[in-house]
Amino acid sequence: MHQRSKRAVARAGVLALVAGGTAIALPATAQAASYNGACGSGYSTIDHRDLNSGGTVWLTYSRSTGKNCVVTVRNNPGPALQMLAGLKKSSASGWAALDENYYTSYAGPVYLYAPNSCIDWEGGIGENVSGGFDSHCG
């Protein structure tokens, strides 16, 4: 086999490995942690943010109580990691409800009654933090 042919075969093998690795990795990063119902009965999910394949932060709402609830759920429970779940009225300077500690599966739930107000909400696992700001007004 010529040197050029050997290089082409080697490149094709590397490309196949990269393509194969990408195909395997995509489903894992695309799959969000399911909402675990931690906020209680009567709460429906109204928003969520994925946390770089580590888990998902869920925003829920109860029509009967008028409260929002946030819970951060890991994709794969395991050793305790720093996690957080937070809620506040957008006009407030500090978090009205914040749960930040080391957890094995989820942080929260945290609740906030904020009728006719915009809210800020977030969740995090380690360095991955996401949420919504000045959102869900009404």
N, C-alpha and C. Protein backbone atom coordinates (compact mmCIF):
# COMPACT_ATOMS: atom_id res chain seq x y z
N MET A 1 0.85 -1.17 0.00
CA MET A 1 0.00 0.00 0.00
C MET A 1 0.90 1.23 0.00
N HIS A 2 0.54 2.23 -0.83
CA HIS A 2 1.31 3.46 -0.90
C HIS A 2 1.13 4.28 0.37
N GLN A 3 2.13 5.16 0.62
CA GLN A 3 2.09 6.02 1.81
C GLN A 3 0.83 6.89 1.81
N ARG A 4 0.46 7.46 0.63
CA ARG A 4 -0.73 8.30 0.53
C ARG A 4 -1.98 7.51 0.87
N SER A 5 -2.06 6.28 0.43
CA SER A 5 -3.23 5.44 0.71
C SER A 5 -3.33 5.11 2.19
N LYS A 6 -2.16 4.87 2.83
CA LYS A 6 -2.16 4.57 4.26
C LYS A 6 -2.69 5.77 5.05
N ARG A 7 -2.27 6.99 4.66
CA ARG A 7 -2.74 8.19 5.35
C ARG A 7 -4.25 8.37 5.16
N ALA A 8 -4.74 8.12 3.97
CA ALA A 8 -6.17 8.27 3.70
C ALA A 8 -6.98 7.28 4.54
N VAL A 9 -6.49 6.05 4.65
CA VAL A 9 -7.17 5.04 5.45
C VAL A 9 -7.14 5.45 6.93
N ALA A 10 -5.99 5.95 7.39
CA ALA A 10 -5.88 6.38 8.78
C ALA A 10 -6.85 7.54 9.06
N ARG A 11 -6.91 8.52 8.15
CA ARG A 11 -7.84 9.64 8.33
C ARG A 11 -9.27 9.15 8.35
N ALA A 12 -9.62 8.25 7.48
CA ALA A 12 -10.98 7.71 7.43
C ALA A 12 -11.32 7.01 8.74
N GLY A 13 -10.34 6.28 9.31
CA GLY A 13 -10.57 5.61 10.59
C GLY A 13 -10.79 6.62 11.72
N VAL A 14 -10.00 7.70 11.74
CA VAL A 14 -10.17 8.73 12.76
C VAL A 14 -11.51 9.42 12.60
N LEU A 15 -11.90 9.74 11.38
CA LEU A 15 -13.20 10.36 11.14
C LEU A 15 -14.34 9.46 11.59
N ALA A 16 -14.20 8.17 11.33
CA ALA A 16 -15.23 7.23 11.75
C ALA A 16 -15.33 7.20 13.28
N LEU A 17 -14.17 7.23 13.96
CA LEU A 17 -14.19 7.24 15.43
C LEU A 17 -14.83 8.51 15.95
N VAL A 18 -14.48 9.66 15.35
CA VAL A 18 -15.05 10.93 15.79
C VAL A 18 -16.55 10.94 15.54
N ALA A 19 -16.95 10.53 14.35
CA ALA A 19 -18.38 10.50 14.03
C ALA A 19 -19.11 9.53 14.95
N GLY A 20 -18.49 8.39 15.21
CA GLY A 20 -19.12 7.42 16.10
C GLY A 20 -19.24 7.97 17.51
N GLY A 21 -18.19 8.66 17.99
CA GLY A 21 -18.24 9.25 19.32
C GLY A 21 -19.29 10.33 19.42
N THR A 22 -19.44 11.14 18.36
CA THR A 22 -20.44 12.19 18.37
C THR A 22 -21.83 11.59 18.39
N ALA A 23 -22.05 10.55 17.61
CA ALA A 23 -23.38 9.93 17.57
C ALA A 23 -23.73 9.35 18.94
N ILE A 24 -22.74 8.82 19.62
CA ILE A 24 -23.00 8.24 20.93
C ILE A 24 -23.23 9.34 21.96
N ALA A 25 -22.47 10.45 21.86
CA ALA A 25 -22.56 11.51 22.86
C ALA A 25 -23.83 12.35 22.73
N LEU A 26 -24.36 12.52 21.55
CA LEU A 26 -25.52 13.39 21.38
C LEU A 26 -26.73 12.99 22.20
N PRO A 27 -27.15 11.74 22.21
CA PRO A 27 -28.31 11.41 23.02
C PRO A 27 -28.09 11.70 24.51
N ALA A 28 -26.87 11.49 25.02
CA ALA A 28 -26.62 11.73 26.44
C ALA A 28 -26.74 13.21 26.78
N THR A 29 -26.25 14.09 25.92
CA THR A 29 -26.32 15.51 26.21
C THR A 29 -27.71 16.07 25.94
N ALA A 30 -28.46 15.45 25.07
CA ALA A 30 -29.79 15.96 24.72
C ALA A 30 -30.85 15.54 25.74
N GLN A 31 -30.59 14.50 26.49
CA GLN A 31 -31.60 14.00 27.41
C GLN A 31 -31.59 14.80 28.71
N ALA A 32 -32.71 15.41 29.01
CA ALA A 32 -32.84 16.20 30.23
C ALA A 32 -33.34 15.33 31.36
N ALA A 33 -32.95 15.71 32.58
CA ALA A 33 -33.49 15.03 33.76
C ALA A 33 -34.98 15.32 33.82
N SER A 34 -35.76 14.32 34.11
CA SER A 34 -37.21 14.49 34.20
C SER A 34 -37.57 15.25 35.47
N TYR A 35 -38.67 16.01 35.39
CA TYR A 35 -39.18 16.67 36.58
C TYR A 35 -39.60 15.58 37.55
N ASN A 36 -39.18 15.69 38.80
CA ASN A 36 -39.38 14.63 39.78
C ASN A 36 -40.60 14.80 40.69
N GLY A 37 -41.40 15.85 40.47
CA GLY A 37 -42.60 16.05 41.27
C GLY A 37 -42.34 16.59 42.67
N ALA A 38 -41.11 17.05 42.94
CA ALA A 38 -40.74 17.48 44.29
C ALA A 38 -41.55 18.68 44.79
N CYS A 39 -42.10 19.48 43.91
CA CYS A 39 -42.88 20.65 44.35
C CYS A 39 -44.22 20.25 44.95
N GLY A 40 -44.68 19.07 44.65
CA GLY A 40 -45.94 18.58 45.22
C GLY A 40 -47.05 18.51 44.20
N SER A 41 -48.21 18.02 44.64
CA SER A 41 -49.33 17.87 43.72
C SER A 41 -49.89 19.24 43.36
N GLY A 42 -50.40 19.35 42.17
CA GLY A 42 -50.99 20.59 41.70
C GLY A 42 -50.01 21.52 41.01
N TYR A 43 -48.73 21.18 40.98
CA TYR A 43 -47.73 22.00 40.29
C TYR A 43 -47.49 21.46 38.90
N SER A 44 -47.53 22.36 37.92
CA SER A 44 -47.28 22.01 36.52
C SER A 44 -46.01 22.71 36.05
N THR A 45 -45.23 22.02 35.24
CA THR A 45 -44.01 22.64 34.72
C THR A 45 -44.38 23.73 33.72
N ILE A 46 -43.73 24.89 33.86
CA ILE A 46 -43.96 25.99 32.92
C ILE A 46 -42.68 26.39 32.19
N ASP A 47 -41.53 25.92 32.66
CA ASP A 47 -40.27 26.25 32.00
C ASP A 47 -39.18 25.33 32.54
N HIS A 48 -38.08 25.23 31.82
CA HIS A 48 -36.92 24.48 32.30
C HIS A 48 -35.69 24.91 31.53
N ARG A 49 -34.53 24.63 32.10
CA ARG A 49 -33.24 24.87 31.45
C ARG A 49 -32.35 23.67 31.71
N ASP A 50 -31.71 23.19 30.64
CA ASP A 50 -30.76 22.09 30.76
C ASP A 50 -29.44 22.63 31.30
N LEU A 51 -28.78 21.84 32.11
CA LEU A 51 -27.52 22.24 32.73
C LEU A 51 -26.36 21.41 32.18
N ASN A 52 -26.04 21.61 30.92
CA ASN A 52 -24.90 20.95 30.27
C ASN A 52 -24.78 19.47 30.59
N SER A 53 -25.83 18.74 30.41
CA SER A 53 -25.94 17.29 30.59
C SER A 53 -25.80 16.84 32.05
N GLY A 54 -25.65 17.78 32.99
CA GLY A 54 -25.58 17.40 34.40
C GLY A 54 -26.96 17.23 35.00
N GLY A 55 -27.95 17.92 34.43
CA GLY A 55 -29.30 17.87 34.96
C GLY A 55 -30.15 18.98 34.37
N THR A 56 -31.24 19.28 35.05
CA THR A 56 -32.20 20.26 34.55
C THR A 56 -32.77 21.04 35.72
N VAL A 57 -32.96 22.35 35.52
CA VAL A 57 -33.66 23.16 36.50
C VAL A 57 -35.09 23.34 35.99
N TRP A 58 -36.07 23.07 36.85
CA TRP A 58 -37.48 23.10 36.49
C TRP A 58 -38.20 24.22 37.23
N LEU A 59 -39.00 25.00 36.51
CA LEU A 59 -39.88 26.00 37.08
C LEU A 59 -41.29 25.48 36.96
N THR A 60 -41.99 25.43 38.09
CA THR A 60 -43.37 24.95 38.09
C THR A 60 -44.28 26.01 38.70
N TYR A 61 -45.59 25.81 38.54
CA TYR A 61 -46.57 26.77 39.05
C TYR A 61 -47.83 26.02 39.48
N SER A 62 -48.41 26.49 40.59
CA SER A 62 -49.67 25.94 41.07
C SER A 62 -50.75 27.01 40.94
N ARG A 63 -51.77 26.74 40.15
CA ARG A 63 -52.90 27.68 40.01
C ARG A 63 -53.65 27.83 41.33
N SER A 64 -53.75 26.75 42.08
CA SER A 64 -54.54 26.80 43.32
C SER A 64 -53.87 27.63 44.41
N THR A 65 -52.54 27.63 44.49
CA THR A 65 -51.85 28.40 45.52
C THR A 65 -51.29 29.72 45.00
N GLY A 66 -51.13 29.84 43.67
CA GLY A 66 -50.53 31.03 43.08
C GLY A 66 -49.03 31.10 43.29
N LYS A 67 -48.42 29.96 43.65
CA LYS A 67 -46.98 29.94 43.92
C LYS A 67 -46.21 29.32 42.77
N ASN A 68 -44.99 29.88 42.56
CA ASN A 68 -44.00 29.27 41.68
C ASN A 68 -43.13 28.37 42.53
N CYS A 69 -42.51 27.39 41.89
CA CYS A 69 -41.61 26.47 42.59
C CYS A 69 -40.46 26.13 41.65
N VAL A 70 -39.25 26.05 42.19
CA VAL A 70 -38.08 25.66 41.41
C VAL A 70 -37.42 24.45 42.08
N VAL A 71 -37.02 23.50 41.26
CA VAL A 71 -36.26 22.34 41.71
C VAL A 71 -35.21 22.03 40.64
N THR A 72 -34.01 21.70 41.07
CA THR A 72 -32.92 21.32 40.17
C THR A 72 -32.67 19.83 40.34
N VAL A 73 -32.75 19.08 39.24
CA VAL A 73 -32.67 17.63 39.27
C VAL A 73 -31.47 17.14 38.47
N ARG A 74 -30.66 16.29 39.09
CA ARG A 74 -29.50 15.71 38.40
C ARG A 74 -29.94 14.61 37.45
N ASN A 75 -29.22 14.47 36.33
CA ASN A 75 -29.47 13.36 35.41
C ASN A 75 -29.16 12.02 36.06
N ASN A 76 -28.06 11.97 36.79
CA ASN A 76 -27.60 10.74 37.41
C ASN A 76 -27.25 10.99 38.86
N PRO A 77 -28.11 10.61 39.79
CA PRO A 77 -27.77 10.78 41.21
C PRO A 77 -26.46 10.08 41.53
N GLY A 78 -25.74 10.64 42.47
CA GLY A 78 -24.44 10.07 42.85
C GLY A 78 -23.88 10.81 44.04
N PRO A 79 -22.56 10.86 44.13
CA PRO A 79 -21.94 11.57 45.24
C PRO A 79 -22.43 13.02 45.30
N ALA A 80 -22.50 13.57 46.49
CA ALA A 80 -23.02 14.93 46.69
C ALA A 80 -22.20 15.95 45.90
N LEU A 81 -22.91 16.83 45.20
CA LEU A 81 -22.32 17.93 44.45
C LEU A 81 -22.99 19.22 44.91
N GLN A 82 -22.29 20.35 44.74
CA GLN A 82 -22.91 21.62 45.06
C GLN A 82 -24.04 21.88 44.06
N MET A 83 -25.23 22.16 44.60
CA MET A 83 -26.41 22.39 43.76
C MET A 83 -27.18 23.56 44.33
N LEU A 84 -28.03 24.16 43.48
CA LEU A 84 -28.87 25.25 43.98
C LEU A 84 -30.18 25.32 43.22
N ALA A 85 -31.16 25.94 43.88
CA ALA A 85 -32.45 26.27 43.30
C ALA A 85 -32.85 27.60 43.93
N GLY A 86 -33.22 28.59 43.11
CA GLY A 86 -33.55 29.90 43.65
C GLY A 86 -34.69 30.57 42.93
N LEU A 87 -35.41 31.44 43.67
CA LEU A 87 -36.55 32.19 43.15
C LEU A 87 -36.59 33.57 43.81
N LYS A 88 -36.98 34.59 43.03
CA LYS A 88 -37.22 35.91 43.60
C LYS A 88 -38.06 36.73 42.64
N LYS A 89 -38.70 37.77 43.17
CA LYS A 89 -39.34 38.74 42.30
C LYS A 89 -38.23 39.50 41.59
N SER A 90 -38.42 39.79 40.31
CA SER A 90 -37.38 40.48 39.55
C SER A 90 -37.02 41.82 40.15
N SER A 91 -37.96 42.47 40.80
CA SER A 91 -37.71 43.78 41.39
C SER A 91 -36.93 43.71 42.70
N ALA A 92 -36.80 42.52 43.28
CA ALA A 92 -36.11 42.36 44.57
C ALA A 92 -34.60 42.29 44.37
N SER A 93 -33.86 42.70 45.39
CA SER A 93 -32.40 42.70 45.28
C SER A 93 -31.78 41.34 45.64
N GLY A 94 -32.43 40.55 46.47
CA GLY A 94 -31.87 39.26 46.86
C GLY A 94 -32.85 38.13 46.63
N TRP A 95 -32.35 36.91 46.68
CA TRP A 95 -33.18 35.73 46.48
C TRP A 95 -34.15 35.58 47.66
N ALA A 96 -35.43 35.51 47.35
CA ALA A 96 -36.46 35.31 48.38
C ALA A 96 -36.45 33.87 48.87
N ALA A 97 -36.17 32.95 47.98
CA ALA A 97 -36.13 31.53 48.32
C ALA A 97 -34.90 30.93 47.65
N LEU A 98 -34.00 30.38 48.44
CA LEU A 98 -32.76 29.82 47.90
C LEU A 98 -32.38 28.58 48.68
N ASP A 99 -32.13 27.50 47.95
CA ASP A 99 -31.62 26.27 48.54
C ASP A 99 -30.29 25.99 47.85
N GLU A 100 -29.20 26.14 48.57
CA GLU A 100 -27.87 25.91 48.01
C GLU A 100 -27.08 25.09 49.01
N ASN A 101 -26.71 23.87 48.57
CA ASN A 101 -26.00 22.96 49.45
C ASN A 101 -25.43 21.83 48.59
N TYR A 102 -24.93 20.80 49.22
CA TYR A 102 -24.41 19.62 48.51
C TYR A 102 -25.48 18.53 48.56
N TYR A 103 -25.89 18.07 47.37
CA TYR A 103 -26.97 17.09 47.27
C TYR A 103 -26.60 15.96 46.32
N THR A 104 -27.24 14.81 46.52
CA THR A 104 -26.98 13.64 45.68
C THR A 104 -27.92 13.53 44.49
N SER A 105 -29.13 14.13 44.56
CA SER A 105 -30.06 13.97 43.45
C SER A 105 -30.80 15.25 43.05
N TYR A 106 -31.21 16.10 44.02
CA TYR A 106 -31.87 17.34 43.62
C TYR A 106 -31.78 18.40 44.71
N ALA A 107 -31.88 19.68 44.26
CA ALA A 107 -31.93 20.83 45.17
C ALA A 107 -33.32 21.43 45.09
N GLY A 108 -33.80 21.97 46.21
CA GLY A 108 -35.15 22.50 46.27
C GLY A 108 -36.04 21.45 46.88
N PRO A 109 -37.29 21.66 46.81
CA PRO A 109 -37.98 22.75 46.11
C PRO A 109 -37.95 24.06 46.91
N VAL A 110 -38.01 25.17 46.17
CA VAL A 110 -38.17 26.49 46.77
C VAL A 110 -39.42 27.11 46.17
N TYR A 111 -40.14 27.89 46.98
CA TYR A 111 -41.45 28.42 46.58
C TYR A 111 -41.48 29.94 46.70
N LEU A 112 -42.32 30.56 45.85
CA LEU A 112 -42.51 32.01 45.92
C LEU A 112 -43.89 32.38 45.42
N TYR A 113 -44.61 33.14 46.23
CA TYR A 113 -45.89 33.70 45.85
C TYR A 113 -45.58 35.07 45.24
N ALA A 114 -45.85 35.23 43.95
CA ALA A 114 -45.49 36.48 43.27
C ALA A 114 -46.55 36.87 42.24
N PRO A 115 -47.80 37.10 42.69
CA PRO A 115 -48.83 37.46 41.72
C PRO A 115 -48.54 38.81 41.07
N ASN A 116 -48.85 38.91 39.80
CA ASN A 116 -48.66 40.15 39.03
C ASN A 116 -47.23 40.67 39.08
N SER A 117 -46.27 39.77 39.19
CA SER A 117 -44.86 40.15 39.25
C SER A 117 -44.05 39.31 38.27
N CYS A 118 -42.98 39.89 37.76
CA CYS A 118 -42.01 39.12 36.99
C CYS A 118 -41.09 38.42 37.99
N ILE A 119 -40.59 37.26 37.62
CA ILE A 119 -39.73 36.52 38.52
C ILE A 119 -38.37 36.24 37.89
N ASP A 120 -37.38 36.02 38.76
CA ASP A 120 -36.08 35.49 38.38
C ASP A 120 -36.00 34.10 39.01
N TRP A 121 -35.52 33.14 38.26
CA TRP A 121 -35.41 31.78 38.78
C TRP A 121 -34.14 31.16 38.22
N GLU A 122 -33.51 30.31 39.01
CA GLU A 122 -32.31 29.65 38.52
C GLU A 122 -32.04 28.38 39.29
N GLY A 123 -31.21 27.57 38.69
CA GLY A 123 -30.75 26.34 39.31
C GLY A 123 -29.34 26.07 38.86
N GLY A 124 -28.64 25.25 39.61
CA GLY A 124 -27.27 24.95 39.23
C GLY A 124 -26.78 23.65 39.81
N ILE A 125 -25.82 23.10 39.08
CA ILE A 125 -25.09 21.91 39.53
C ILE A 125 -23.62 22.22 39.27
N GLY A 126 -22.86 22.34 40.34
CA GLY A 126 -21.45 22.71 40.20
C GLY A 126 -21.35 24.08 39.56
N GLU A 127 -20.56 24.18 38.50
CA GLU A 127 -20.35 25.45 37.80
C GLU A 127 -21.45 25.75 36.78
N ASN A 128 -22.31 24.79 36.49
CA ASN A 128 -23.36 24.97 35.49
C ASN A 128 -24.60 25.58 36.15
N VAL A 129 -24.89 26.82 35.79
CA VAL A 129 -26.04 27.54 36.36
C VAL A 129 -26.84 28.13 35.22
N SER A 130 -28.17 28.03 35.31
CA SER A 130 -29.04 28.59 34.28
C SER A 130 -30.39 28.90 34.88
N GLY A 131 -31.18 29.65 34.16
CA GLY A 131 -32.53 29.99 34.61
C GLY A 131 -33.13 31.06 33.74
N GLY A 132 -34.03 31.83 34.30
CA GLY A 132 -34.69 32.90 33.57
C GLY A 132 -34.77 34.14 34.43
N PHE A 133 -34.64 35.30 33.80
CA PHE A 133 -34.65 36.55 34.54
C PHE A 133 -35.67 37.48 33.92
N ASP A 134 -36.41 38.18 34.80
CA ASP A 134 -37.46 39.07 34.37
C ASP A 134 -38.44 38.33 33.47
N SER A 135 -38.88 37.18 33.95
CA SER A 135 -39.72 36.29 33.12
C SER A 135 -41.03 35.93 33.82
N HIS A 136 -41.88 35.30 33.04
CA HIS A 136 -43.17 34.79 33.51
C HIS A 136 -43.94 35.85 34.30
N CYS A 137 -44.04 37.02 33.71
CA CYS A 137 -44.72 38.15 34.35
C CYS A 137 -46.24 37.92 34.31
N GLY A 138 -46.87 38.29 35.38
CA GLY A 138 -48.31 38.20 35.28
C GLY A 138 -49.00 37.75 36.46
